[in-house]
Amino acid sequence: MLRTSRVLHPITSLGPGRRLGIWVQGCTLACKGCMSRDTWDAGAGTPLSVDHLLELWREAVRAGVDGLTVSGGEPLEQAAALTEFLASVPLEGRDVLLYTGHELGELDDEQRAVLGHVDAVITGRYVAGEQPGLIWRGSANQRLVPLTPLGEERYRPFVDLASRAQVQVRVDDGLLWLVGVPPAGVLPKVEKRLRDNGIVFEEAAWRP
């Protein structure tokens, strides 16, 4: 079982093309300023079996996705379950991008095993106030590292690519999701703009 926060597709703001996004539940890193505090509690979320996740992947493939992005939470806190899932995914030329708050030198053997099934990884804790100016990264310390020949082909052009922040807005099951890496200060402005138009959040994942 992999405990997840949400599974969404198509995602267009966390990796190239149209993607299936899996947000893993649970994170002990608790970076200050994290926009996804709802993913911290390891006891929350929904446990999904590998078979269920594979069916979601097959549905996404039929819908035309180009790859898989795994974020969180901290995916490597469920390393064994994540390895089991990724080892079973029929990619057929599609790539896997993984986000982790850890640096590569911090990983143990079980966590490194996950990377054996990943084409590119974005590493490093989120540091509030360090605007990266680089695509798909939340702060300047984070690195995009291709790990496989496919990763080199698809991600090497983006390693040092300056880009404006990409944010995708979705509404699912009555919840509003902002997917991507918004610039500092944008989330409170979004909340105020919506409030001015009569839309009030009962709670927001970026607030303590």
N, C-alpha and C. Protein backbone atom coordinates (compact mmCIF):
# COMPACT_ATOMS: atom_id res chain seq x y z
N MET A 1 0.84 -1.20 0.00
CA MET A 1 0.00 0.00 0.00
C MET A 1 0.88 1.26 0.00
N LEU A 2 0.47 2.21 -0.80
CA LEU A 2 1.12 3.52 -0.80
C LEU A 2 0.09 4.53 -0.30
N ARG A 3 0.42 5.20 0.80
CA ARG A 3 -0.52 6.19 1.34
C ARG A 3 -0.38 7.48 0.53
N THR A 4 -1.47 7.91 -0.07
CA THR A 4 -1.44 9.04 -0.98
C THR A 4 -2.31 10.19 -0.48
N SER A 5 -1.96 11.38 -0.91
CA SER A 5 -2.77 12.55 -0.63
C SER A 5 -3.77 12.77 -1.75
N ARG A 6 -3.30 12.65 -3.00
CA ARG A 6 -4.18 12.83 -4.16
C ARG A 6 -3.50 12.28 -5.40
N VAL A 7 -4.31 11.95 -6.37
CA VAL A 7 -3.84 11.50 -7.67
C VAL A 7 -4.63 12.28 -8.72
N LEU A 8 -3.94 13.03 -9.57
CA LEU A 8 -4.60 13.89 -10.54
C LEU A 8 -3.98 13.74 -11.93
N HIS A 9 -4.80 13.88 -12.95
CA HIS A 9 -4.30 14.00 -14.31
C HIS A 9 -5.36 14.69 -15.16
N PRO A 10 -4.97 15.39 -16.22
CA PRO A 10 -3.58 15.62 -16.62
C PRO A 10 -2.96 16.78 -15.84
N ILE A 11 -1.71 16.60 -15.43
CA ILE A 11 -0.92 17.64 -14.78
C ILE A 11 0.06 18.19 -15.81
N THR A 12 0.12 19.51 -15.93
CA THR A 12 0.97 20.13 -16.95
C THR A 12 2.01 21.08 -16.37
N SER A 13 2.10 21.18 -15.05
CA SER A 13 2.99 22.17 -14.43
C SER A 13 4.10 21.55 -13.59
N LEU A 14 4.22 20.22 -13.61
CA LEU A 14 5.27 19.54 -12.84
C LEU A 14 5.94 18.49 -13.72
N GLY A 15 6.64 18.97 -14.73
CA GLY A 15 7.28 18.07 -15.69
C GLY A 15 6.78 18.33 -17.09
N PRO A 16 7.48 17.77 -18.09
CA PRO A 16 7.12 18.04 -19.48
C PRO A 16 5.86 17.30 -19.92
N GLY A 17 5.06 17.96 -20.73
CA GLY A 17 3.88 17.32 -21.30
C GLY A 17 2.74 17.18 -20.31
N ARG A 18 1.84 16.27 -20.64
CA ARG A 18 0.67 15.95 -19.80
C ARG A 18 1.02 14.73 -18.96
N ARG A 19 0.77 14.81 -17.64
CA ARG A 19 1.29 13.79 -16.74
C ARG A 19 0.25 13.33 -15.73
N LEU A 20 0.45 12.12 -15.22
CA LEU A 20 -0.27 11.68 -14.03
C LEU A 20 0.54 12.15 -12.84
N GLY A 21 -0.12 12.83 -11.89
CA GLY A 21 0.55 13.28 -10.68
C GLY A 21 0.09 12.48 -9.48
N ILE A 22 1.04 11.94 -8.73
CA ILE A 22 0.74 11.24 -7.48
C ILE A 22 1.42 12.00 -6.35
N TRP A 23 0.61 12.47 -5.38
CA TRP A 23 1.15 13.12 -4.20
C TRP A 23 1.12 12.12 -3.06
N VAL A 24 2.28 11.77 -2.56
CA VAL A 24 2.40 10.80 -1.48
C VAL A 24 2.14 11.52 -0.15
N GLN A 25 1.46 10.84 0.76
CA GLN A 25 1.10 11.43 2.05
C GLN A 25 2.18 11.16 3.09
N GLY A 26 2.50 12.19 3.87
CA GLY A 26 3.45 12.05 4.96
C GLY A 26 4.77 12.75 4.67
N CYS A 27 5.17 13.66 5.56
CA CYS A 27 6.46 14.34 5.41
C CYS A 27 6.92 14.84 6.76
N THR A 28 8.10 14.41 7.18
CA THR A 28 8.66 14.86 8.45
C THR A 28 9.63 16.02 8.27
N LEU A 29 9.90 16.43 7.03
CA LEU A 29 10.84 17.53 6.79
C LEU A 29 10.22 18.87 7.18
N ALA A 30 8.91 19.03 6.92
CA ALA A 30 8.15 20.20 7.38
C ALA A 30 8.84 21.52 7.04
N CYS A 31 9.12 21.72 5.76
CA CYS A 31 9.81 22.94 5.33
C CYS A 31 8.94 24.17 5.59
N LYS A 32 9.54 25.20 6.16
CA LYS A 32 8.83 26.45 6.41
C LYS A 32 8.36 27.03 5.08
N GLY A 33 7.07 27.42 5.02
CA GLY A 33 6.53 28.01 3.81
C GLY A 33 5.97 27.02 2.82
N CYS A 34 5.99 25.73 3.16
CA CYS A 34 5.46 24.70 2.26
C CYS A 34 4.00 24.98 1.92
N MET A 35 3.65 24.86 0.63
CA MET A 35 2.27 25.11 0.21
C MET A 35 1.38 23.88 0.36
N SER A 36 1.96 22.76 0.80
CA SER A 36 1.20 21.51 0.87
C SER A 36 1.27 20.91 2.26
N ARG A 37 0.98 21.72 3.26
CA ARG A 37 1.04 21.24 4.64
C ARG A 37 0.05 20.11 4.89
N ASP A 38 -0.99 20.03 4.06
CA ASP A 38 -1.97 18.95 4.22
C ASP A 38 -1.37 17.59 3.94
N THR A 39 -0.19 17.54 3.31
CA THR A 39 0.45 16.26 3.02
C THR A 39 1.43 15.82 4.11
N TRP A 40 1.58 16.59 5.19
CA TRP A 40 2.58 16.26 6.20
C TRP A 40 2.17 15.08 7.09
N ASP A 41 0.91 15.03 7.48
CA ASP A 41 0.44 14.04 8.45
C ASP A 41 0.46 12.63 7.83
N ALA A 42 1.34 11.78 8.35
CA ALA A 42 1.50 10.43 7.78
C ALA A 42 0.27 9.56 8.01
N GLY A 43 -0.60 9.94 8.93
CA GLY A 43 -1.79 9.15 9.19
C GLY A 43 -3.00 9.58 8.37
N ALA A 44 -2.86 10.65 7.61
CA ALA A 44 -3.97 11.13 6.79
C ALA A 44 -3.86 10.52 5.39
N GLY A 45 -4.63 11.03 4.47
CA GLY A 45 -4.57 10.52 3.10
C GLY A 45 -5.31 9.20 2.93
N THR A 46 -5.03 8.56 1.81
CA THR A 46 -5.73 7.32 1.44
C THR A 46 -4.72 6.25 1.04
N PRO A 47 -4.72 5.08 1.70
CA PRO A 47 -3.83 4.00 1.26
C PRO A 47 -4.37 3.40 -0.04
N LEU A 48 -3.52 3.30 -1.04
CA LEU A 48 -3.91 2.71 -2.33
C LEU A 48 -2.99 1.53 -2.64
N SER A 49 -3.58 0.46 -3.10
CA SER A 49 -2.80 -0.72 -3.46
C SER A 49 -2.06 -0.48 -4.76
N VAL A 50 -1.03 -1.28 -5.01
CA VAL A 50 -0.30 -1.18 -6.27
C VAL A 50 -1.24 -1.44 -7.44
N ASP A 51 -2.13 -2.43 -7.30
CA ASP A 51 -3.06 -2.73 -8.38
C ASP A 51 -3.96 -1.53 -8.69
N HIS A 52 -4.43 -0.85 -7.64
CA HIS A 52 -5.29 0.32 -7.86
C HIS A 52 -4.51 1.44 -8.54
N LEU A 53 -3.28 1.67 -8.10
CA LEU A 53 -2.44 2.70 -8.71
C LEU A 53 -2.15 2.38 -10.17
N LEU A 54 -1.93 1.10 -10.45
CA LEU A 54 -1.67 0.71 -11.84
C LEU A 54 -2.89 0.93 -12.72
N GLU A 55 -4.08 0.73 -12.17
CA GLU A 55 -5.29 0.99 -12.95
C GLU A 55 -5.43 2.49 -13.22
N LEU A 56 -5.11 3.32 -12.22
CA LEU A 56 -5.12 4.76 -12.43
C LEU A 56 -4.11 5.16 -13.50
N TRP A 57 -2.96 4.50 -13.49
CA TRP A 57 -1.95 4.77 -14.52
C TRP A 57 -2.47 4.37 -15.90
N ARG A 58 -3.09 3.21 -16.00
CA ARG A 58 -3.60 2.77 -17.30
C ARG A 58 -4.67 3.72 -17.82
N GLU A 59 -5.52 4.22 -16.91
CA GLU A 59 -6.53 5.21 -17.32
C GLU A 59 -5.85 6.47 -17.85
N ALA A 60 -4.79 6.90 -17.16
CA ALA A 60 -4.08 8.10 -17.59
C ALA A 60 -3.41 7.89 -18.94
N VAL A 61 -2.86 6.71 -19.16
CA VAL A 61 -2.23 6.40 -20.44
C VAL A 61 -3.27 6.45 -21.56
N ARG A 62 -4.44 5.87 -21.29
CA ARG A 62 -5.50 5.92 -22.31
C ARG A 62 -5.92 7.36 -22.60
N ALA A 63 -5.76 8.24 -21.62
CA ALA A 63 -6.10 9.65 -21.82
C ALA A 63 -4.97 10.43 -22.47
N GLY A 64 -3.82 9.77 -22.68
CA GLY A 64 -2.75 10.40 -23.44
C GLY A 64 -1.65 11.06 -22.63
N VAL A 65 -1.39 10.61 -21.39
CA VAL A 65 -0.32 11.25 -20.62
C VAL A 65 1.06 10.86 -21.17
N ASP A 66 2.03 11.77 -20.91
CA ASP A 66 3.39 11.59 -21.39
C ASP A 66 4.34 11.08 -20.32
N GLY A 67 3.90 11.10 -19.07
CA GLY A 67 4.79 10.68 -18.01
C GLY A 67 4.10 10.70 -16.65
N LEU A 68 4.89 10.38 -15.63
CA LEU A 68 4.42 10.26 -14.25
C LEU A 68 5.27 11.15 -13.36
N THR A 69 4.62 11.98 -12.54
CA THR A 69 5.32 12.80 -11.56
C THR A 69 4.88 12.37 -10.16
N VAL A 70 5.87 12.10 -9.30
CA VAL A 70 5.60 11.70 -7.92
C VAL A 70 6.12 12.81 -7.01
N SER A 71 5.22 13.37 -6.20
CA SER A 71 5.57 14.45 -5.30
C SER A 71 5.01 14.12 -3.92
N GLY A 72 4.84 15.12 -3.08
CA GLY A 72 4.34 14.83 -1.76
C GLY A 72 3.96 16.09 -1.02
N GLY A 73 4.04 15.96 0.31
CA GLY A 73 4.66 14.92 1.11
C GLY A 73 6.11 14.68 0.72
N GLU A 74 6.65 13.66 1.35
CA GLU A 74 8.00 13.21 1.02
C GLU A 74 7.93 11.77 0.52
N PRO A 75 8.01 11.56 -0.79
CA PRO A 75 7.85 10.21 -1.35
C PRO A 75 8.81 9.17 -0.76
N LEU A 76 10.02 9.58 -0.43
CA LEU A 76 11.00 8.60 0.02
C LEU A 76 10.78 8.13 1.45
N GLU A 77 9.78 8.68 2.13
CA GLU A 77 9.41 8.15 3.44
C GLU A 77 8.55 6.90 3.30
N GLN A 78 8.13 6.58 2.08
CA GLN A 78 7.45 5.32 1.79
C GLN A 78 8.22 4.59 0.69
N ALA A 79 9.51 4.48 0.87
CA ALA A 79 10.39 4.01 -0.19
C ALA A 79 10.04 2.61 -0.68
N ALA A 80 9.80 1.68 0.23
CA ALA A 80 9.55 0.29 -0.18
C ALA A 80 8.28 0.19 -1.02
N ALA A 81 7.20 0.82 -0.55
CA ALA A 81 5.94 0.77 -1.29
C ALA A 81 6.06 1.48 -2.64
N LEU A 82 6.81 2.58 -2.67
CA LEU A 82 6.97 3.32 -3.91
C LEU A 82 7.80 2.52 -4.91
N THR A 83 8.83 1.85 -4.44
CA THR A 83 9.62 0.99 -5.33
C THR A 83 8.76 -0.13 -5.92
N GLU A 84 7.93 -0.73 -5.08
CA GLU A 84 7.06 -1.80 -5.57
C GLU A 84 6.15 -1.30 -6.68
N PHE A 85 5.58 -0.11 -6.49
CA PHE A 85 4.71 0.45 -7.51
C PHE A 85 5.48 0.80 -8.78
N LEU A 86 6.56 1.56 -8.66
CA LEU A 86 7.29 2.02 -9.85
C LEU A 86 7.87 0.86 -10.63
N ALA A 87 8.27 -0.20 -9.94
CA ALA A 87 8.82 -1.37 -10.63
C ALA A 87 7.76 -2.07 -11.47
N SER A 88 6.48 -1.82 -11.17
CA SER A 88 5.38 -2.49 -11.86
C SER A 88 4.76 -1.66 -12.98
N VAL A 89 5.15 -0.38 -13.08
CA VAL A 89 4.50 0.52 -14.03
C VAL A 89 4.98 0.25 -15.46
N PRO A 90 4.07 -0.08 -16.38
CA PRO A 90 4.46 -0.23 -17.79
C PRO A 90 4.58 1.14 -18.45
N LEU A 91 5.79 1.66 -18.52
CA LEU A 91 5.99 3.04 -18.96
C LEU A 91 5.90 3.19 -20.47
N GLU A 92 6.44 2.22 -21.21
CA GLU A 92 6.38 2.23 -22.68
C GLU A 92 6.81 3.58 -23.25
N GLY A 93 8.00 4.03 -22.83
CA GLY A 93 8.55 5.27 -23.35
C GLY A 93 8.19 6.51 -22.57
N ARG A 94 7.33 6.40 -21.59
CA ARG A 94 6.99 7.54 -20.75
C ARG A 94 7.98 7.63 -19.59
N ASP A 95 8.17 8.83 -19.07
CA ASP A 95 9.21 9.02 -18.06
C ASP A 95 8.61 9.20 -16.67
N VAL A 96 9.47 9.05 -15.66
CA VAL A 96 9.10 9.25 -14.26
C VAL A 96 9.96 10.37 -13.68
N LEU A 97 9.30 11.38 -13.11
CA LEU A 97 9.97 12.47 -12.40
C LEU A 97 9.58 12.38 -10.93
N LEU A 98 10.56 12.43 -10.05
CA LEU A 98 10.33 12.34 -8.60
C LEU A 98 10.81 13.61 -7.92
N TYR A 99 9.99 14.13 -7.01
CA TYR A 99 10.40 15.22 -6.12
C TYR A 99 10.77 14.65 -4.76
N THR A 100 11.90 15.09 -4.21
CA THR A 100 12.25 14.74 -2.84
C THR A 100 12.91 15.93 -2.16
N GLY A 101 12.63 16.09 -0.89
CA GLY A 101 13.29 17.14 -0.12
C GLY A 101 14.69 16.77 0.31
N HIS A 102 15.09 15.54 0.08
CA HIS A 102 16.43 15.09 0.45
C HIS A 102 17.44 15.40 -0.64
N GLU A 103 18.70 15.51 -0.25
CA GLU A 103 19.80 15.54 -1.20
C GLU A 103 20.21 14.09 -1.50
N LEU A 104 20.81 13.86 -2.66
CA LEU A 104 21.15 12.49 -3.04
C LEU A 104 22.11 11.84 -2.04
N GLY A 105 23.00 12.62 -1.46
CA GLY A 105 23.96 12.06 -0.51
C GLY A 105 23.36 11.67 0.82
N GLU A 106 22.11 12.05 1.08
CA GLU A 106 21.45 11.71 2.34
C GLU A 106 20.70 10.39 2.29
N LEU A 107 20.57 9.81 1.11
CA LEU A 107 19.66 8.66 0.95
C LEU A 107 20.28 7.38 1.49
N ASP A 108 19.42 6.52 2.07
CA ASP A 108 19.86 5.19 2.46
C ASP A 108 19.61 4.22 1.30
N ASP A 109 19.97 2.96 1.50
CA ASP A 109 19.88 1.99 0.41
C ASP A 109 18.45 1.82 -0.08
N GLU A 110 17.48 1.79 0.83
CA GLU A 110 16.09 1.61 0.44
C GLU A 110 15.60 2.79 -0.38
N GLN A 111 16.00 3.98 0.00
CA GLN A 111 15.60 5.17 -0.75
C GLN A 111 16.28 5.23 -2.11
N ARG A 112 17.55 4.84 -2.17
CA ARG A 112 18.24 4.83 -3.46
C ARG A 112 17.62 3.82 -4.41
N ALA A 113 17.03 2.77 -3.88
CA ALA A 113 16.38 1.77 -4.74
C ALA A 113 15.22 2.39 -5.51
N VAL A 114 14.54 3.37 -4.91
CA VAL A 114 13.45 4.05 -5.62
C VAL A 114 13.99 4.71 -6.89
N LEU A 115 15.16 5.34 -6.77
CA LEU A 115 15.72 6.08 -7.90
C LEU A 115 16.11 5.16 -9.05
N GLY A 116 16.22 3.87 -8.79
CA GLY A 116 16.47 2.92 -9.87
C GLY A 116 15.32 2.80 -10.84
N HIS A 117 14.17 3.39 -10.48
CA HIS A 117 12.98 3.34 -11.34
C HIS A 117 12.54 4.75 -11.75
N VAL A 118 13.44 5.71 -11.64
CA VAL A 118 13.12 7.12 -11.88
C VAL A 118 14.04 7.67 -12.96
N ASP A 119 13.50 8.47 -13.86
CA ASP A 119 14.30 9.05 -14.94
C ASP A 119 14.94 10.38 -14.58
N ALA A 120 14.31 11.13 -13.70
CA ALA A 120 14.86 12.40 -13.25
C ALA A 120 14.32 12.70 -11.87
N VAL A 121 15.14 13.40 -11.07
CA VAL A 121 14.74 13.71 -9.70
C VAL A 121 15.01 15.19 -9.44
N ILE A 122 14.11 15.82 -8.70
CA ILE A 122 14.32 17.18 -8.20
C ILE A 122 14.57 17.06 -6.71
N THR A 123 15.75 17.51 -6.27
CA THR A 123 16.20 17.29 -4.90
C THR A 123 16.26 18.59 -4.11
N GLY A 124 16.21 18.44 -2.79
CA GLY A 124 16.46 19.57 -1.91
C GLY A 124 15.22 20.09 -1.21
N ARG A 125 15.40 20.50 0.04
CA ARG A 125 14.31 21.06 0.81
C ARG A 125 13.86 22.40 0.22
N TYR A 126 12.58 22.70 0.41
CA TYR A 126 12.09 24.01 0.00
C TYR A 126 12.57 25.05 1.00
N VAL A 127 13.17 26.12 0.48
CA VAL A 127 13.65 27.22 1.32
C VAL A 127 12.86 28.47 0.95
N ALA A 128 11.99 28.89 1.83
CA ALA A 128 11.13 30.04 1.55
C ALA A 128 11.97 31.29 1.30
N GLY A 129 11.58 32.03 0.29
CA GLY A 129 12.26 33.29 -0.02
C GLY A 129 13.38 33.16 -1.02
N GLU A 130 13.80 31.95 -1.32
CA GLU A 130 14.86 31.75 -2.32
C GLU A 130 14.21 31.42 -3.67
N GLN A 131 13.81 32.44 -4.39
CA GLN A 131 13.13 32.23 -5.66
C GLN A 131 14.09 31.67 -6.69
N PRO A 132 13.74 30.57 -7.33
CA PRO A 132 14.70 29.88 -8.19
C PRO A 132 14.84 30.48 -9.59
N GLY A 133 13.72 30.88 -10.17
CA GLY A 133 13.77 31.31 -11.56
C GLY A 133 13.99 30.16 -12.52
N LEU A 134 13.99 28.93 -12.02
CA LEU A 134 14.21 27.74 -12.83
C LEU A 134 12.95 26.89 -12.85
N ILE A 135 12.69 26.30 -13.98
CA ILE A 135 11.44 25.59 -14.20
C ILE A 135 11.27 24.43 -13.22
N TRP A 136 10.06 24.30 -12.69
CA TRP A 136 9.59 23.19 -11.86
C TRP A 136 10.21 23.14 -10.47
N ARG A 137 10.98 24.16 -10.08
CA ARG A 137 11.62 24.16 -8.77
C ARG A 137 11.09 25.28 -7.90
N GLY A 138 10.98 25.00 -6.60
CA GLY A 138 10.39 25.95 -5.68
C GLY A 138 11.37 26.90 -5.04
N SER A 139 12.65 26.52 -4.94
CA SER A 139 13.64 27.41 -4.35
C SER A 139 15.00 27.17 -5.02
N ALA A 140 15.88 28.15 -4.88
CA ALA A 140 17.11 28.19 -5.68
C ALA A 140 18.06 27.03 -5.37
N ASN A 141 17.95 26.44 -4.19
CA ASN A 141 18.85 25.34 -3.83
C ASN A 141 18.49 24.03 -4.49
N GLN A 142 17.28 23.91 -5.02
CA GLN A 142 16.82 22.62 -5.55
C GLN A 142 17.44 22.34 -6.92
N ARG A 143 17.78 21.07 -7.15
CA ARG A 143 18.45 20.67 -8.38
C ARG A 143 17.60 19.68 -9.16
N LEU A 144 17.63 19.78 -10.47
CA LEU A 144 17.02 18.80 -11.37
C LEU A 144 18.13 17.92 -11.89
N VAL A 145 18.04 16.60 -11.60
CA VAL A 145 19.11 15.67 -11.94
C VAL A 145 18.57 14.55 -12.82
N PRO A 146 18.95 14.49 -14.09
CA PRO A 146 18.59 13.34 -14.93
C PRO A 146 19.34 12.09 -14.45
N LEU A 147 18.67 10.94 -14.48
CA LEU A 147 19.26 9.71 -13.95
C LEU A 147 19.41 8.60 -14.99
N THR A 148 18.70 8.68 -16.09
CA THR A 148 18.71 7.62 -17.11
C THR A 148 18.91 8.24 -18.49
N PRO A 149 19.19 7.43 -19.50
CA PRO A 149 19.27 8.00 -20.86
C PRO A 149 17.99 8.73 -21.26
N LEU A 150 16.83 8.19 -20.91
CA LEU A 150 15.58 8.89 -21.21
C LEU A 150 15.51 10.19 -20.42
N GLY A 151 15.96 10.15 -19.17
CA GLY A 151 15.99 11.36 -18.36
C GLY A 151 16.91 12.42 -18.95
N GLU A 152 18.06 11.99 -19.45
CA GLU A 152 18.98 12.93 -20.10
C GLU A 152 18.31 13.57 -21.32
N GLU A 153 17.65 12.75 -22.10
CA GLU A 153 17.01 13.24 -23.33
C GLU A 153 15.91 14.24 -23.01
N ARG A 154 15.09 13.93 -22.02
CA ARG A 154 13.91 14.76 -21.75
C ARG A 154 14.18 15.92 -20.81
N TYR A 155 15.11 15.74 -19.87
CA TYR A 155 15.26 16.74 -18.81
C TYR A 155 16.53 17.57 -18.89
N ARG A 156 17.57 17.11 -19.57
CA ARG A 156 18.80 17.91 -19.63
C ARG A 156 18.54 19.32 -20.16
N PRO A 157 17.67 19.53 -21.18
CA PRO A 157 17.42 20.90 -21.65
C PRO A 157 16.78 21.80 -20.60
N PHE A 158 16.21 21.21 -19.53
CA PHE A 158 15.51 22.01 -18.53
C PHE A 158 16.33 22.25 -17.26
N VAL A 159 17.53 21.66 -17.17
CA VAL A 159 18.30 21.72 -15.93
C VAL A 159 18.58 23.16 -15.51
N ASP A 160 18.95 24.00 -16.48
CA ASP A 160 19.26 25.40 -16.17
C ASP A 160 18.30 26.35 -16.87
N LEU A 161 17.12 25.87 -17.21
CA LEU A 161 16.17 26.69 -17.95
C LEU A 161 15.45 27.66 -17.03
N ALA A 162 15.65 28.95 -17.29
CA ALA A 162 14.91 29.97 -16.55
C ALA A 162 13.47 29.99 -17.05
N SER A 163 12.55 30.11 -16.14
CA SER A 163 11.14 30.08 -16.52
C SER A 163 10.30 30.78 -15.48
N ARG A 164 9.25 31.45 -15.93
CA ARG A 164 8.27 31.96 -14.99
C ARG A 164 7.55 30.79 -14.34
N ALA A 165 7.11 31.00 -13.12
CA ALA A 165 6.42 29.93 -12.40
C ALA A 165 5.19 29.47 -13.16
N GLN A 166 5.00 28.15 -13.17
CA GLN A 166 3.84 27.57 -13.83
C GLN A 166 2.87 27.05 -12.76
N VAL A 167 1.63 27.47 -12.85
CA VAL A 167 0.63 27.03 -11.88
C VAL A 167 -0.61 26.60 -12.65
N GLN A 168 -1.13 25.45 -12.31
CA GLN A 168 -2.33 24.90 -12.93
C GLN A 168 -3.44 24.92 -11.89
N VAL A 169 -4.61 25.37 -12.27
CA VAL A 169 -5.76 25.45 -11.36
C VAL A 169 -6.75 24.37 -11.73
N ARG A 170 -7.14 23.57 -10.74
CA ARG A 170 -8.10 22.49 -10.96
C ARG A 170 -9.15 22.51 -9.86
N VAL A 171 -10.33 22.05 -10.21
CA VAL A 171 -11.38 21.84 -9.21
C VAL A 171 -11.83 20.40 -9.31
N ASP A 172 -11.67 19.65 -8.21
CA ASP A 172 -12.06 18.24 -8.17
C ASP A 172 -12.78 17.97 -6.86
N ASP A 173 -13.97 17.36 -6.93
CA ASP A 173 -14.73 16.99 -5.74
C ASP A 173 -14.93 18.17 -4.79
N GLY A 174 -15.18 19.34 -5.37
CA GLY A 174 -15.45 20.51 -4.56
C GLY A 174 -14.22 21.16 -3.95
N LEU A 175 -13.04 20.67 -4.29
CA LEU A 175 -11.80 21.25 -3.78
C LEU A 175 -11.06 21.96 -4.90
N LEU A 176 -10.43 23.09 -4.57
CA LEU A 176 -9.64 23.82 -5.54
C LEU A 176 -8.17 23.48 -5.32
N TRP A 177 -7.51 23.02 -6.37
CA TRP A 177 -6.11 22.63 -6.31
C TRP A 177 -5.28 23.61 -7.13
N LEU A 178 -4.21 24.12 -6.55
CA LEU A 178 -3.21 24.88 -7.30
C LEU A 178 -2.00 23.98 -7.44
N VAL A 179 -1.72 23.55 -8.65
CA VAL A 179 -0.67 22.57 -8.91
C VAL A 179 0.49 23.27 -9.59
N GLY A 180 1.67 23.15 -9.00
CA GLY A 180 2.85 23.76 -9.59
C GLY A 180 3.67 24.47 -8.54
N VAL A 181 4.44 25.45 -8.96
CA VAL A 181 5.36 26.16 -8.07
C VAL A 181 5.07 27.65 -8.17
N PRO A 182 4.13 28.17 -7.37
CA PRO A 182 3.79 29.59 -7.45
C PRO A 182 4.88 30.47 -6.85
N PRO A 183 5.04 31.69 -7.35
CA PRO A 183 6.02 32.63 -6.78
C PRO A 183 5.65 32.99 -5.34
N ALA A 184 6.64 33.46 -4.60
CA ALA A 184 6.40 33.86 -3.21
C ALA A 184 5.34 34.95 -3.16
N GLY A 185 4.43 34.82 -2.20
CA GLY A 185 3.41 35.83 -1.99
C GLY A 185 2.17 35.69 -2.84
N VAL A 186 2.17 34.76 -3.79
CA VAL A 186 1.04 34.64 -4.70
C VAL A 186 -0.16 33.99 -4.02
N LEU A 187 0.06 33.00 -3.17
CA LEU A 187 -1.06 32.26 -2.59
C LEU A 187 -1.98 33.15 -1.75
N PRO A 188 -1.47 34.00 -0.87
CA PRO A 188 -2.38 34.91 -0.15
C PRO A 188 -3.13 35.84 -1.09
N LYS A 189 -2.48 36.27 -2.18
CA LYS A 189 -3.16 37.14 -3.14
C LYS A 189 -4.30 36.40 -3.84
N VAL A 190 -4.06 35.13 -4.18
CA VAL A 190 -5.12 34.32 -4.79
C VAL A 190 -6.30 34.20 -3.83
N GLU A 191 -5.99 33.92 -2.57
CA GLU A 191 -7.04 33.76 -1.57
C GLU A 191 -7.84 35.05 -1.41
N LYS A 192 -7.14 36.20 -1.38
CA LYS A 192 -7.84 37.49 -1.24
C LYS A 192 -8.71 37.77 -2.46
N ARG A 193 -8.17 37.50 -3.66
CA ARG A 193 -8.95 37.77 -4.87
C ARG A 193 -10.23 36.93 -4.89
N LEU A 194 -10.12 35.67 -4.49
CA LEU A 194 -11.30 34.82 -4.45
C LEU A 194 -12.29 35.30 -3.39
N ARG A 195 -11.76 35.72 -2.22
CA ARG A 195 -12.64 36.20 -1.15
C ARG A 195 -13.39 37.45 -1.61
N ASP A 196 -12.70 38.32 -2.35
CA ASP A 196 -13.34 39.53 -2.87
C ASP A 196 -14.48 39.20 -3.83
N ASN A 197 -14.43 37.99 -4.39
CA ASN A 197 -15.47 37.56 -5.32
C ASN A 197 -16.44 36.56 -4.69
N GLY A 198 -16.44 36.52 -3.36
CA GLY A 198 -17.42 35.73 -2.65
C GLY A 198 -17.05 34.27 -2.44
N ILE A 199 -15.80 33.90 -2.73
CA ILE A 199 -15.36 32.52 -2.53
C ILE A 199 -14.42 32.49 -1.34
N VAL A 200 -14.83 31.80 -0.27
CA VAL A 200 -14.06 31.77 0.97
C VAL A 200 -13.59 30.36 1.24
N PHE A 201 -12.30 30.19 1.48
CA PHE A 201 -11.75 28.88 1.80
C PHE A 201 -12.07 28.52 3.24
N GLU A 202 -12.57 27.30 3.46
CA GLU A 202 -12.72 26.81 4.83
C GLU A 202 -11.33 26.55 5.43
N GLU A 203 -10.43 26.09 4.62
CA GLU A 203 -9.05 25.89 5.03
C GLU A 203 -8.17 25.94 3.79
N ALA A 204 -6.87 26.21 4.00
CA ALA A 204 -5.94 26.27 2.88
C ALA A 204 -4.66 25.55 3.28
N ALA A 205 -4.13 24.74 2.36
CA ALA A 205 -3.00 23.87 2.68
C ALA A 205 -1.73 24.64 2.98
N TRP A 206 -1.64 25.91 2.57
CA TRP A 206 -0.42 26.66 2.79
C TRP A 206 -0.42 27.44 4.10
N ARG A 207 -1.54 27.42 4.84
CA ARG A 207 -1.61 28.14 6.11
C ARG A 207 -1.28 27.20 7.27
N PRO A 208 -0.54 27.68 8.29
CA PRO A 208 -0.27 26.86 9.49
C PRO A 208 -1.56 26.48 10.20
